[in-house]
């Protein structure tokens, strides 16, 4: 990001955002979230949770925006042009998403030895 590598920024932030989305969904009793090998399932389920007001709209907007940019970024299928301010905003949303994920994740019970 700081060096202006928008493509690398998009691909890396997409992966991180998708993993956070999966982390927010994983507590649902749905085996397909564990077994799926596609990015689409996570995106669809995360957007569905947004429809039910269970997820901050900024988080789904970030995932959807990165989803659209990812192919060009990862597979060099076109230029990825983002203003520095847009990258800063995307990163800020991702950092907020991480804070929410950590704050809402179930805590592990201590294990006795």
PDB file of N, CA and C in Angstrom:
ATOM      1  N   UNK A   1       0.827  -1.193   0.000  1.00  0.00           N
ATOM      2  CA  UNK A   1       0.000   0.000   0.000  1.00  0.00           C
ATOM      3  C   UNK A   1       0.868   1.251   0.000  1.00  0.00           C
ATOM      4  N   UNK A   2       1.806   1.328   0.928  1.00  0.00           N
ATOM      5  CA  UNK A   2       2.653   2.513   1.041  1.00  0.00           C
ATOM      6  C   UNK A   2       3.510   2.726  -0.208  1.00  0.00           C
ATOM      7  N   UNK A   3       3.835   1.654  -0.910  1.00  0.00           N
ATOM      8  CA  UNK A   3       4.656   1.763  -2.115  1.00  0.00           C
ATOM      9  C   UNK A   3       3.819   1.880  -3.381  1.00  0.00           C
ATOM     10  N   UNK A   4       2.497   1.904  -3.222  1.00  0.00           N
ATOM     11  CA  UNK A   4       1.625   2.082  -4.375  1.00  0.00           C
ATOM     12  C   UNK A   4       1.341   0.824  -5.164  1.00  0.00           C
ATOM     13  N   UNK A   5       1.586  -0.335  -4.603  1.00  0.00           N
ATOM     14  CA  UNK A   5       1.310  -1.602  -5.284  1.00  0.00           C
ATOM     15  C   UNK A   5      -0.150  -1.978  -5.066  1.00  0.00           C
ATOM     16  N   UNK A   6      -1.033  -1.345  -5.805  1.00  0.00           N
ATOM     17  CA  UNK A   6      -2.465  -1.526  -5.613  1.00  0.00           C
ATOM     18  C   UNK A   6      -2.903  -2.974  -5.837  1.00  0.00           C
ATOM     19  N   UNK A   7      -2.332  -3.637  -6.817  1.00  0.00           N
ATOM     20  CA  UNK A   7      -2.716  -5.018  -7.100  1.00  0.00           C
ATOM     21  C   UNK A   7      -2.404  -5.954  -5.951  1.00  0.00           C
ATOM     22  N   UNK A   8      -1.207  -5.848  -5.422  1.00  0.00           N
ATOM     23  CA  UNK A   8      -0.808  -6.674  -4.284  1.00  0.00           C
ATOM     24  C   UNK A   8      -1.649  -6.319  -3.066  1.00  0.00           C
ATOM     25  N   UNK A   9      -1.888  -5.039  -2.880  1.00  0.00           N
ATOM     26  CA  UNK A   9      -2.724  -4.568  -1.780  1.00  0.00           C
ATOM     27  C   UNK A   9      -4.115  -5.198  -1.856  1.00  0.00           C
ATOM     28  N   UNK A  10      -4.744  -5.146  -3.024  1.00  0.00           N
ATOM     29  CA  UNK A  10      -6.091  -5.693  -3.207  1.00  0.00           C
ATOM     30  C   UNK A  10      -6.113  -7.196  -2.949  1.00  0.00           C
ATOM     31  N   UNK A  11      -5.189  -7.923  -3.530  1.00  0.00           N
ATOM     32  CA  UNK A  11      -5.184  -9.379  -3.370  1.00  0.00           C
ATOM     33  C   UNK A  11      -4.979  -9.781  -1.912  1.00  0.00           C
ATOM     34  N   UNK A  12      -4.050  -9.133  -1.245  1.00  0.00           N
ATOM     35  CA  UNK A  12      -3.766  -9.457   0.151  1.00  0.00           C
ATOM     36  C   UNK A  12      -4.922  -9.051   1.057  1.00  0.00           C
ATOM     37  N   UNK A  13      -5.473  -7.869   0.840  1.00  0.00           N
ATOM     38  CA  UNK A  13      -6.581  -7.416   1.675  1.00  0.00           C
ATOM     39  C   UNK A  13      -7.834  -8.255   1.420  1.00  0.00           C
ATOM     40  N   UNK A  14      -8.035  -8.703   0.184  1.00  0.00           N
ATOM     41  CA  UNK A  14      -9.160  -9.596  -0.090  1.00  0.00           C
ATOM     42  C   UNK A  14      -9.022 -10.875   0.735  1.00  0.00           C
ATOM     43  N   UNK A  15      -7.852 -11.474   0.714  1.00  0.00           N
ATOM     44  CA  UNK A  15      -7.638 -12.718   1.463  1.00  0.00           C
ATOM     45  C   UNK A  15      -7.894 -12.506   2.947  1.00  0.00           C
ATOM     46  N   UNK A  16      -7.368 -11.429   3.496  1.00  0.00           N
ATOM     47  CA  UNK A  16      -7.565 -11.142   4.923  1.00  0.00           C
ATOM     48  C   UNK A  16      -9.034 -10.885   5.239  1.00  0.00           C
ATOM     49  N   UNK A  17      -9.703 -10.124   4.394  1.00  0.00           N
ATOM     50  CA  UNK A  17     -11.116  -9.796   4.614  1.00  0.00           C
ATOM     51  C   UNK A  17     -11.983 -11.038   4.504  1.00  0.00           C
ATOM     52  N   UNK A  18     -11.691 -11.874   3.530  1.00  0.00           N
ATOM     53  CA  UNK A  18     -12.453 -13.104   3.368  1.00  0.00           C
ATOM     54  C   UNK A  18     -12.269 -14.024   4.577  1.00  0.00           C
ATOM     55  N   UNK A  19     -11.052 -14.116   5.081  1.00  0.00           N
ATOM     56  CA  UNK A  19     -10.808 -14.938   6.274  1.00  0.00           C
ATOM     57  C   UNK A  19     -11.545 -14.372   7.491  1.00  0.00           C
ATOM     58  N   UNK A  20     -11.582 -13.062   7.616  1.00  0.00           N
ATOM     59  CA  UNK A  20     -12.333 -12.465   8.734  1.00  0.00           C
ATOM     60  C   UNK A  20     -13.824 -12.725   8.579  1.00  0.00           C
ATOM     61  N   UNK A  21     -14.332 -12.625   7.350  1.00  0.00           N
ATOM     62  CA  UNK A  21     -15.748 -12.919   7.106  1.00  0.00           C
ATOM     63  C   UNK A  21     -16.049 -14.362   7.484  1.00  0.00           C
ATOM     64  N   UNK A  22     -15.179 -15.266   7.087  1.00  0.00           N
ATOM     65  CA  UNK A  22     -15.367 -16.673   7.436  1.00  0.00           C
ATOM     66  C   UNK A  22     -15.313 -16.859   8.948  1.00  0.00           C
ATOM     67  N   UNK A  23     -14.423 -16.136   9.609  1.00  0.00           N
ATOM     68  CA  UNK A  23     -14.341 -16.191  11.062  1.00  0.00           C
ATOM     69  C   UNK A  23     -15.623 -15.727  11.732  1.00  0.00           C
ATOM     70  N   UNK A  24     -16.294 -14.749  11.132  1.00  0.00           N
ATOM     71  CA  UNK A  24     -17.561 -14.269  11.685  1.00  0.00           C
ATOM     72  C   UNK A  24     -18.699 -15.249  11.419  1.00  0.00           C
ATOM     73  N   UNK A  25     -18.583 -16.021  10.353  1.00  0.00           N
ATOM     74  CA  UNK A  25     -19.634 -16.973   9.975  1.00  0.00           C
ATOM     75  C   UNK A  25     -19.444 -18.359  10.585  1.00  0.00           C
ATOM     76  N   UNK A  26     -18.251 -18.697  10.954  1.00  0.00           N
ATOM     77  CA  UNK A  26     -17.899 -20.072  11.287  1.00  0.00           C
ATOM     78  C   UNK A  26     -18.680 -20.633  12.478  1.00  0.00           C
ATOM     79  N   UNK A  27     -19.217 -19.772  13.297  1.00  0.00           N
ATOM     80  CA  UNK A  27     -19.949 -20.230  14.481  1.00  0.00           C
ATOM     81  C   UNK A  27     -21.348 -20.683  14.147  1.00  0.00           C
ATOM     82  N   UNK A  28     -21.750 -20.528  12.908  1.00  0.00           N
ATOM     83  CA  UNK A  28     -23.063 -21.015  12.489  1.00  0.00           C
ATOM     84  C   UNK A  28     -22.998 -22.522  12.263  1.00  0.00           C
ATOM     85  N   UNK A  29     -24.076 -23.213  12.581  1.00  0.00           N
ATOM     86  CA  UNK A  29     -24.058 -24.674  12.401  1.00  0.00           C
ATOM     87  C   UNK A  29     -24.242 -25.068  10.933  1.00  0.00           C
ATOM     88  N   UNK A  30     -23.219 -24.818  10.134  1.00  0.00           N
ATOM     89  CA  UNK A  30     -23.300 -25.110   8.706  1.00  0.00           C
ATOM     90  C   UNK A  30     -21.959 -25.692   8.262  1.00  0.00           C
ATOM     91  N   UNK A  31     -21.941 -26.970   8.039  1.00  0.00           N
ATOM     92  CA  UNK A  31     -20.718 -27.682   7.676  1.00  0.00           C
ATOM     93  C   UNK A  31     -20.105 -27.159   6.370  1.00  0.00           C
ATOM     94  N   UNK A  32     -20.954 -26.655   5.467  1.00  0.00           N
ATOM     95  CA  UNK A  32     -20.437 -26.194   4.174  1.00  0.00           C
ATOM     96  C   UNK A  32     -19.445 -25.044   4.336  1.00  0.00           C
ATOM     97  N   UNK A  33     -19.555 -24.277   5.408  1.00  0.00           N
ATOM     98  CA  UNK A  33     -18.600 -23.195   5.643  1.00  0.00           C
ATOM     99  C   UNK A  33     -17.202 -23.740   5.917  1.00  0.00           C
ATOM    100  N   UNK A  34     -17.137 -24.928   6.466  1.00  0.00           N
ATOM    101  CA  UNK A  34     -15.838 -25.550   6.745  1.00  0.00           C
ATOM    102  C   UNK A  34     -15.287 -26.275   5.528  1.00  0.00           C
ATOM    103  N   UNK A  35     -16.182 -26.878   4.761  1.00  0.00           N
ATOM    104  CA  UNK A  35     -15.766 -27.747   3.659  1.00  0.00           C
ATOM    105  C   UNK A  35     -15.630 -27.055   2.309  1.00  0.00           C
ATOM    106  N   UNK A  36     -16.238 -25.911   2.145  1.00  0.00           N
ATOM    107  CA  UNK A  36     -16.267 -25.254   0.840  1.00  0.00           C
ATOM    108  C   UNK A  36     -14.863 -24.902   0.354  1.00  0.00           C
ATOM    109  N   UNK A  37     -14.676 -25.063  -0.914  1.00  0.00           N
ATOM    110  CA  UNK A  37     -13.402 -24.724  -1.555  1.00  0.00           C
ATOM    111  C   UNK A  37     -13.541 -23.487  -2.443  1.00  0.00           C
ATOM    112  N   UNK A  38     -14.674 -22.795  -2.346  1.00  0.00           N
ATOM    113  CA  UNK A  38     -14.890 -21.630  -3.202  1.00  0.00           C
ATOM    114  C   UNK A  38     -14.972 -20.347  -2.379  1.00  0.00           C
ATOM    115  N   UNK A  39     -14.605 -19.250  -3.014  1.00  0.00           N
ATOM    116  CA  UNK A  39     -14.715 -17.938  -2.378  1.00  0.00           C
ATOM    117  C   UNK A  39     -16.170 -17.472  -2.379  1.00  0.00           C
ATOM    118  N   UNK A  40     -16.917 -17.910  -3.369  1.00  0.00           N
ATOM    119  CA  UNK A  40     -18.293 -17.442  -3.558  1.00  0.00           C
ATOM    120  C   UNK A  40     -19.185 -17.745  -2.350  1.00  0.00           C
ATOM    121  N   UNK A  41     -19.065 -18.919  -1.768  1.00  0.00           N
ATOM    122  CA  UNK A  41     -19.927 -19.284  -0.646  1.00  0.00           C
ATOM    123  C   UNK A  41     -19.766 -18.300   0.507  1.00  0.00           C
ATOM    124  N   UNK A  42     -18.547 -17.949   0.835  1.00  0.00           N
ATOM    125  CA  UNK A  42     -18.306 -17.009   1.929  1.00  0.00           C
ATOM    126  C   UNK A  42     -18.929 -15.659   1.597  1.00  0.00           C
ATOM    127  N   UNK A  43     -18.714 -15.197   0.386  1.00  0.00           N
ATOM    128  CA  UNK A  43     -19.264 -13.901  -0.032  1.00  0.00           C
ATOM    129  C   UNK A  43     -20.786 -13.904   0.037  1.00  0.00           C
ATOM    130  N   UNK A  44     -21.418 -14.940  -0.484  1.00  0.00           N
ATOM    131  CA  UNK A  44     -22.885 -15.021  -0.493  1.00  0.00           C
ATOM    132  C   UNK A  44     -23.426 -15.065   0.935  1.00  0.00           C
ATOM    133  N   UNK A  45     -22.839 -15.914   1.774  1.00  0.00           N
ATOM    134  CA  UNK A  45     -23.316 -16.043   3.155  1.00  0.00           C
ATOM    135  C   UNK A  45     -23.094 -14.765   3.945  1.00  0.00           C
ATOM    136  N   UNK A  46     -21.966 -14.108   3.725  1.00  0.00           N
ATOM    137  CA  UNK A  46     -21.669 -12.864   4.438  1.00  0.00           C
ATOM    138  C   UNK A  46     -22.657 -11.778   4.038  1.00  0.00           C
ATOM    139  N   UNK A  47     -22.974 -11.703   2.747  1.00  0.00           N
ATOM    140  CA  UNK A  47     -23.959 -10.731   2.281  1.00  0.00           C
ATOM    141  C   UNK A  47     -25.353 -11.051   2.830  1.00  0.00           C
ATOM    142  N   UNK A  48     -25.665 -12.317   2.981  1.00  0.00           N
ATOM    143  CA  UNK A  48     -26.950 -12.710   3.563  1.00  0.00           C
ATOM    144  C   UNK A  48     -27.036 -12.260   5.018  1.00  0.00           C
ATOM    145  N   UNK A  49     -25.945 -12.404   5.753  1.00  0.00           N
ATOM    146  CA  UNK A  49     -25.919 -11.939   7.139  1.00  0.00           C
ATOM    147  C   UNK A  49     -26.107 -10.424   7.202  1.00  0.00           C
ATOM    148  N   UNK A  50     -25.581  -9.709   6.229  1.00  0.00           N
ATOM    149  CA  UNK A  50     -25.783  -8.257   6.159  1.00  0.00           C
ATOM    150  C   UNK A  50     -27.259  -7.941   5.941  1.00  0.00           C
ATOM    151  N   UNK A  51     -27.915  -8.717   5.080  1.00  0.00           N
ATOM    152  CA  UNK A  51     -29.350  -8.511   4.828  1.00  0.00           C
ATOM    153  C   UNK A  51     -30.166  -8.648   6.108  1.00  0.00           C
ATOM    154  N   UNK A  52     -29.701  -9.524   6.992  1.00  0.00           N
ATOM    155  CA  UNK A  52     -30.394  -9.753   8.266  1.00  0.00           C
ATOM    156  C   UNK A  52     -29.886  -8.825   9.367  1.00  0.00           C
ATOM    157  N   UNK A  53     -29.097  -7.820   8.999  1.00  0.00           N
ATOM    158  CA  UNK A  53     -28.522  -6.847   9.928  1.00  0.00           C
ATOM    159  C   UNK A  53     -27.623  -7.467  10.988  1.00  0.00           C
ATOM    160  N   UNK A  54     -26.962  -8.557  10.643  1.00  0.00           N
ATOM    161  CA  UNK A  54     -26.047  -9.218  11.569  1.00  0.00           C
ATOM    162  C   UNK A  54     -24.588  -8.825  11.329  1.00  0.00           C
ATOM    163  N   UNK A  55     -24.352  -8.092  10.252  1.00  0.00           N
ATOM    164  CA  UNK A  55     -22.986  -7.706   9.877  1.00  0.00           C
ATOM    165  C   UNK A  55     -22.998  -6.233   9.477  1.00  0.00           C
ATOM    166  N   UNK A  56     -21.988  -5.525   9.866  1.00  0.00           N
ATOM    167  CA  UNK A  56     -21.829  -4.116   9.503  1.00  0.00           C
ATOM    168  C   UNK A  56     -21.795  -3.990   7.979  1.00  0.00           C
ATOM    169  N   UNK A  57     -22.607  -3.103   7.409  1.00  0.00           N
ATOM    170  CA  UNK A  57     -22.623  -2.952   5.952  1.00  0.00           C
ATOM    171  C   UNK A  57     -21.260  -2.557   5.367  1.00  0.00           C
ATOM    172  N   UNK A  58     -20.458  -1.855   6.131  1.00  0.00           N
ATOM    173  CA  UNK A  58     -19.129  -1.483   5.646  1.00  0.00           C
ATOM    174  C   UNK A  58     -18.245  -2.693   5.399  1.00  0.00           C
ATOM    175  N   UNK A  59     -18.452  -3.746   6.193  1.00  0.00           N
ATOM    176  CA  UNK A  59     -17.649  -4.961   6.037  1.00  0.00           C
ATOM    177  C   UNK A  59     -18.021  -5.692   4.748  1.00  0.00           C
ATOM    178  N   UNK A  60     -19.323  -5.783   4.473  1.00  0.00           N
ATOM    179  CA  UNK A  60     -19.736  -6.458   3.243  1.00  0.00           C
ATOM    180  C   UNK A  60     -19.382  -5.618   2.023  1.00  0.00           C
ATOM    181  N   UNK A  61     -19.483  -4.308   2.148  1.00  0.00           N
ATOM    182  CA  UNK A  61     -19.096  -3.439   1.034  1.00  0.00           C
ATOM    183  C   UNK A  61     -17.611  -3.620   0.707  1.00  0.00           C
ATOM    184  N   UNK A  62     -16.789  -3.743   1.746  1.00  0.00           N
ATOM    185  CA  UNK A  62     -15.360  -3.951   1.522  1.00  0.00           C
ATOM    186  C   UNK A  62     -15.125  -5.283   0.819  1.00  0.00           C
ATOM    187  N   UNK A  63     -15.722  -6.354   1.321  1.00  0.00           N
ATOM    188  CA  UNK A  63     -15.538  -7.665   0.701  1.00  0.00           C
ATOM    189  C   UNK A  63     -16.007  -7.647  -0.749  1.00  0.00           C
ATOM    190  N   UNK A  64     -17.164  -7.043  -1.005  1.00  0.00           N
ATOM    191  CA  UNK A  64     -17.693  -6.990  -2.373  1.00  0.00           C
ATOM    192  C   UNK A  64     -16.805  -6.161  -3.297  1.00  0.00           C
ATOM    193  N   UNK A  65     -16.286  -5.057  -2.810  1.00  0.00           N
ATOM    194  CA  UNK A  65     -15.403  -4.201  -3.622  1.00  0.00           C
ATOM    195  C   UNK A  65     -14.111  -4.952  -3.963  1.00  0.00           C
ATOM    196  N   UNK A  66     -13.542  -5.600  -2.959  1.00  0.00           N
ATOM    197  CA  UNK A  66     -12.312  -6.353  -3.191  1.00  0.00           C
ATOM    198  C   UNK A  66     -12.561  -7.539  -4.115  1.00  0.00           C
ATOM    199  N   UNK A  67     -13.726  -8.160  -3.987  1.00  0.00           N
ATOM    200  CA  UNK A  67     -14.109  -9.286  -4.851  1.00  0.00           C
ATOM    201  C   UNK A  67     -14.054  -8.856  -6.323  1.00  0.00           C
ATOM    202  N   UNK A  68     -14.592  -7.660  -6.583  1.00  0.00           N
ATOM    203  CA  UNK A  68     -14.631  -7.157  -7.963  1.00  0.00           C
ATOM    204  C   UNK A  68     -13.229  -6.836  -8.498  1.00  0.00           C
ATOM    205  N   UNK A  69     -12.363  -6.393  -7.623  1.00  0.00           N
ATOM    206  CA  UNK A  69     -11.009  -6.004  -8.040  1.00  0.00           C
ATOM    207  C   UNK A  69     -10.029  -7.172  -8.071  1.00  0.00           C
ATOM    208  N   UNK A  70     -10.355  -8.239  -7.376  1.00  0.00           N
ATOM    209  CA  UNK A  70      -9.398  -9.322  -7.142  1.00  0.00           C
ATOM    210  C   UNK A  70      -8.893  -9.991  -8.417  1.00  0.00           C
ATOM    211  N   UNK A  71      -9.766 -10.282  -9.343  1.00  0.00           N
ATOM    212  CA  UNK A  71      -9.331 -10.996 -10.548  1.00  0.00           C
ATOM    213  C   UNK A  71      -8.258 -10.207 -11.294  1.00  0.00           C
ATOM    214  N   UNK A  72      -8.508  -8.911 -11.456  1.00  0.00           N
ATOM    215  CA  UNK A  72      -7.503  -8.078 -12.137  1.00  0.00           C
ATOM    216  C   UNK A  72      -6.204  -8.041 -11.348  1.00  0.00           C
ATOM    217  N   UNK A  73      -6.329  -7.970 -10.023  1.00  0.00           N
ATOM    218  CA  UNK A  73      -5.140  -7.858  -9.171  1.00  0.00           C
ATOM    219  C   UNK A  73      -4.346  -9.159  -9.133  1.00  0.00           C
ATOM    220  N   UNK A  74      -5.027 -10.259  -8.906  1.00  0.00           N
ATOM    221  CA  UNK A  74      -4.338 -11.540  -8.703  1.00  0.00           C
ATOM    222  C   UNK A  74      -3.809 -12.136  -9.996  1.00  0.00           C
ATOM    223  N   UNK A  75      -4.603 -12.029 -11.058  1.00  0.00           N
ATOM    224  CA  UNK A  75      -4.247 -12.691 -12.311  1.00  0.00           C
ATOM    225  C   UNK A  75      -3.764 -11.716 -13.376  1.00  0.00           C
ATOM    226  N   UNK A  76      -3.467 -10.509 -12.959  1.00  0.00           N
ATOM    227  CA  UNK A  76      -2.957  -9.470 -13.856  1.00  0.00           C
ATOM    228  C   UNK A  76      -3.831  -9.317 -15.092  1.00  0.00           C
ATOM    229  N   UNK A  77      -5.149  -9.363 -14.861  1.00  0.00           N
ATOM    230  CA  UNK A  77      -6.122  -9.279 -15.949  1.00  0.00           C
ATOM    231  C   UNK A  77      -6.508  -7.833 -16.252  1.00  0.00           C
ATOM    232  N   UNK A  78      -5.745  -6.908 -15.789  1.00  0.00           N
ATOM    233  CA  UNK A  78      -6.011  -5.494 -16.019  1.00  0.00           C
ATOM    234  C   UNK A  78      -5.364  -4.678 -14.923  1.00  0.00           C
ATOM    235  N   UNK A  79      -5.332  -3.381 -15.131  1.00  0.00           N
ATOM    236  CA  UNK A  79      -4.739  -2.496 -14.134  1.00  0.00           C
ATOM    237  C   UNK A  79      -5.671  -2.327 -12.947  1.00  0.00           C
ATOM    238  N   UNK A  80      -5.075  -2.197 -11.805  1.00  0.00           N
ATOM    239  CA  UNK A  80      -5.819  -1.878 -10.590  1.00  0.00           C
ATOM    240  C   UNK A  80      -5.365  -0.497 -10.160  1.00  0.00           C
ATOM    241  N   UNK A  81      -6.262   0.449 -10.313  1.00  0.00           N
ATOM    242  CA  UNK A  81      -5.929   1.817  -9.957  1.00  0.00           C
ATOM    243  C   UNK A  81      -6.811   2.258  -8.799  1.00  0.00           C
ATOM    244  N   UNK A  82      -6.157   2.530  -7.686  1.00  0.00           N
ATOM    245  CA  UNK A  82      -6.852   3.008  -6.500  1.00  0.00           C
ATOM    246  C   UNK A  82      -6.101   4.214  -5.968  1.00  0.00           C
ATOM    247  N   UNK A  83      -6.836   5.218  -5.572  1.00  0.00           N
ATOM    248  CA  UNK A  83      -6.212   6.380  -4.950  1.00  0.00           C
ATOM    249  C   UNK A  83      -5.720   5.980  -3.565  1.00  0.00           C
ATOM    250  N   UNK A  84      -4.697   6.654  -3.108  1.00  0.00           N
ATOM    251  CA  UNK A  84      -4.152   6.345  -1.785  1.00  0.00           C
ATOM    252  C   UNK A  84      -5.224   6.501  -0.706  1.00  0.00           C
ATOM    253  N   UNK A  85      -6.073   7.502  -0.846  1.00  0.00           N
ATOM    254  CA  UNK A  85      -7.139   7.707   0.143  1.00  0.00           C
ATOM    255  C   UNK A  85      -8.115   6.531   0.160  1.00  0.00           C
ATOM    256  N   UNK A  86      -8.400   5.966  -1.003  1.00  0.00           N
ATOM    257  CA  UNK A  86      -9.297   4.806  -1.068  1.00  0.00           C
ATOM    258  C   UNK A  86      -8.650   3.586  -0.411  1.00  0.00           C
ATOM    259  N   UNK A  87      -7.367   3.396  -0.645  1.00  0.00           N
ATOM    260  CA  UNK A  87      -6.672   2.283   0.001  1.00  0.00           C
ATOM    261  C   UNK A  87      -6.636   2.480   1.518  1.00  0.00           C
ATOM    262  N   UNK A  88      -6.418   3.714   1.956  1.00  0.00           N
ATOM    263  CA  UNK A  88      -6.430   4.009   3.395  1.00  0.00           C
ATOM    264  C   UNK A  88      -7.789   3.677   4.005  1.00  0.00           C
ATOM    265  N   UNK A  89      -8.852   4.047   3.311  1.00  0.00           N
ATOM    266  CA  UNK A  89     -10.204   3.785   3.813  1.00  0.00           C
ATOM    267  C   UNK A  89     -10.489   2.280   3.860  1.00  0.00           C
ATOM    268  N   UNK A  90     -10.090   1.571   2.825  1.00  0.00           N
ATOM    269  CA  UNK A  90     -10.300   0.121   2.805  1.00  0.00           C
ATOM    270  C   UNK A  90      -9.558  -0.542   3.966  1.00  0.00           C
ATOM    271  N   UNK A  91      -8.338  -0.110   4.198  1.00  0.00           N
ATOM    272  CA  UNK A  91      -7.543  -0.666   5.282  1.00  0.00           C
ATOM    273  C   UNK A  91      -8.171  -0.347   6.639  1.00  0.00           C
ATOM    274  N   UNK A  92      -8.701   0.858   6.795  1.00  0.00           N
ATOM    275  CA  UNK A  92      -9.355   1.241   8.053  1.00  0.00           C
ATOM    276  C   UNK A  92     -10.582   0.370   8.318  1.00  0.00           C
ATOM    277  N   UNK A  93     -11.363   0.089   7.286  1.00  0.00           N
ATOM    278  CA  UNK A  93     -12.537  -0.777   7.446  1.00  0.00           C
ATOM    279  C   UNK A  93     -12.092  -2.187   7.825  1.00  0.00           C
ATOM    280  N   UNK A  94     -11.041  -2.680   7.191  1.00  0.00           N
ATOM    281  CA  UNK A  94     -10.528  -4.013   7.505  1.00  0.00           C
ATOM    282  C   UNK A  94     -10.030  -4.079   8.951  1.00  0.00           C
ATOM    283  N   UNK A  95      -9.378  -3.036   9.403  1.00  0.00           N
ATOM    284  CA  UNK A  95      -8.902  -3.010  10.787  1.00  0.00           C
ATOM    285  C   UNK A  95     -10.074  -2.992  11.759  1.00  0.00           C
ATOM    286  N   UNK A  96     -11.114  -2.240  11.433  1.00  0.00           N
ATOM    287  CA  UNK A  96     -12.325  -2.231  12.271  1.00  0.00           C
ATOM    288  C   UNK A  96     -12.984  -3.614  12.274  1.00  0.00           C
ATOM    289  N   UNK A  97     -13.021  -4.241  11.121  1.00  0.00           N
ATOM    290  CA  UNK A  97     -13.594  -5.586  11.015  1.00  0.00           C
ATOM    291  C   UNK A  97     -12.826  -6.566  11.897  1.00  0.00           C
ATOM    292  N   UNK A  98     -11.520  -6.450  11.904  1.00  0.00           N
ATOM    293  CA  UNK A  98     -10.695  -7.314  12.742  1.00  0.00           C
ATOM    294  C   UNK A  98     -11.000  -7.082  14.222  1.00  0.00           C
ATOM    295  N   UNK A  99     -11.136  -5.835  14.617  1.00  0.00           N
ATOM    296  CA  UNK A  99     -11.467  -5.519  16.010  1.00  0.00           C
ATOM    297  C   UNK A  99     -12.798  -6.146  16.414  1.00  0.00           C
ATOM    298  N   UNK A 100     -13.789  -6.059  15.536  1.00  0.00           N
ATOM    299  CA  UNK A 100     -15.099  -6.653  15.822  1.00  0.00           C
ATOM    300  C   UNK A 100     -14.985  -8.169  15.902  1.00  0.00           C
ATOM    301  N   UNK A 101     -14.252  -8.764  14.981  1.00  0.00           N
ATOM    302  CA  UNK A 101     -14.073 -10.215  14.998  1.00  0.00           C
ATOM    303  C   UNK A 101     -13.447 -10.673  16.310  1.00  0.00           C
ATOM    304  N   UNK A 102     -12.400 -10.005  16.737  1.00  0.00           N
ATOM    305  CA  UNK A 102     -11.725 -10.372  17.986  1.00  0.00           C
ATOM    306  C   UNK A 102     -12.662 -10.164  19.179  1.00  0.00           C
ATOM    307  N   UNK A 103     -13.371  -9.055  19.189  1.00  0.00           N
ATOM    308  CA  UNK A 103     -14.261  -8.744  20.323  1.00  0.00           C
ATOM    309  C   UNK A 103     -15.450  -9.693  20.423  1.00  0.00           C
ATOM    310  N   UNK A 104     -15.901 -10.231  19.299  1.00  0.00           N
ATOM    311  CA  UNK A 104     -17.103 -11.069  19.314  1.00  0.00           C
ATOM    312  C   UNK A 104     -16.808 -12.563  19.247  1.00  0.00           C
ATOM    313  N   UNK A 105     -15.543 -12.920  19.127  1.00  0.00           N
ATOM    314  CA  UNK A 105     -15.190 -14.336  19.057  1.00  0.00           C
ATOM    315  C   UNK A 105     -15.355 -14.989  20.429  1.00  0.00           C
ATOM    316  N   UNK A 106     -15.886 -16.194  20.450  1.00  0.00           N
ATOM    317  CA  UNK A 106     -16.007 -16.886  21.736  1.00  0.00           C
ATOM    318  C   UNK A 106     -14.626 -17.102  22.358  1.00  0.00           C
ATOM    319  N   UNK A 107     -14.603 -17.012  23.649  1.00  0.00           N
ATOM    320  CA  UNK A 107     -13.361 -17.228  24.378  1.00  0.00           C
ATOM    321  C   UNK A 107     -13.203 -18.702  24.698  1.00  0.00           C
ATOM    322  N   UNK A 108     -11.998 -19.164  24.654  1.00  0.00           N
ATOM    323  CA  UNK A 108     -11.719 -20.550  24.995  1.00  0.00           C
ATOM    324  C   UNK A 108     -11.725 -20.723  26.516  1.00  0.00           C
ATOM    325  N   UNK A 109     -12.261 -21.813  26.955  1.00  0.00           N
ATOM    326  CA  UNK A 109     -12.218 -22.127  28.378  1.00  0.00           C
ATOM    327  C   UNK A 109     -10.815 -22.586  28.732  1.00  0.00           C
ATOM    328  N   UNK A 110     -10.342 -22.228  29.909  1.00  0.00           N
ATOM    329  CA  UNK A 110      -9.009 -22.681  30.309  1.00  0.00           C
ATOM    330  C   UNK A 110      -8.960 -24.209  30.393  1.00  0.00           C
ATOM    331  N   UNK A 111      -7.870 -24.751  29.974  1.00  0.00           N
ATOM    332  CA  UNK A 111      -7.688 -26.197  30.004  1.00  0.00           C
ATOM    333  C   UNK A 111      -6.847 -26.536  31.224  1.00  0.00           C
ATOM    334  N   UNK A 112      -7.362 -27.441  32.043  1.00  0.00           N
ATOM    335  CA  UNK A 112      -6.590 -27.834  33.238  1.00  0.00           C
ATOM    336  C   UNK A 112      -5.520 -28.841  32.843  1.00  0.00           C
ATOM    337  N   UNK A 113      -4.424 -28.813  33.545  1.00  0.00           N
ATOM    338  CA  UNK A 113      -3.325 -29.713  33.191  1.00  0.00           C
ATOM    339  C   UNK A 113      -3.370 -31.022  33.901  1.00  0.00           C
TER     340      UNK A 113
END
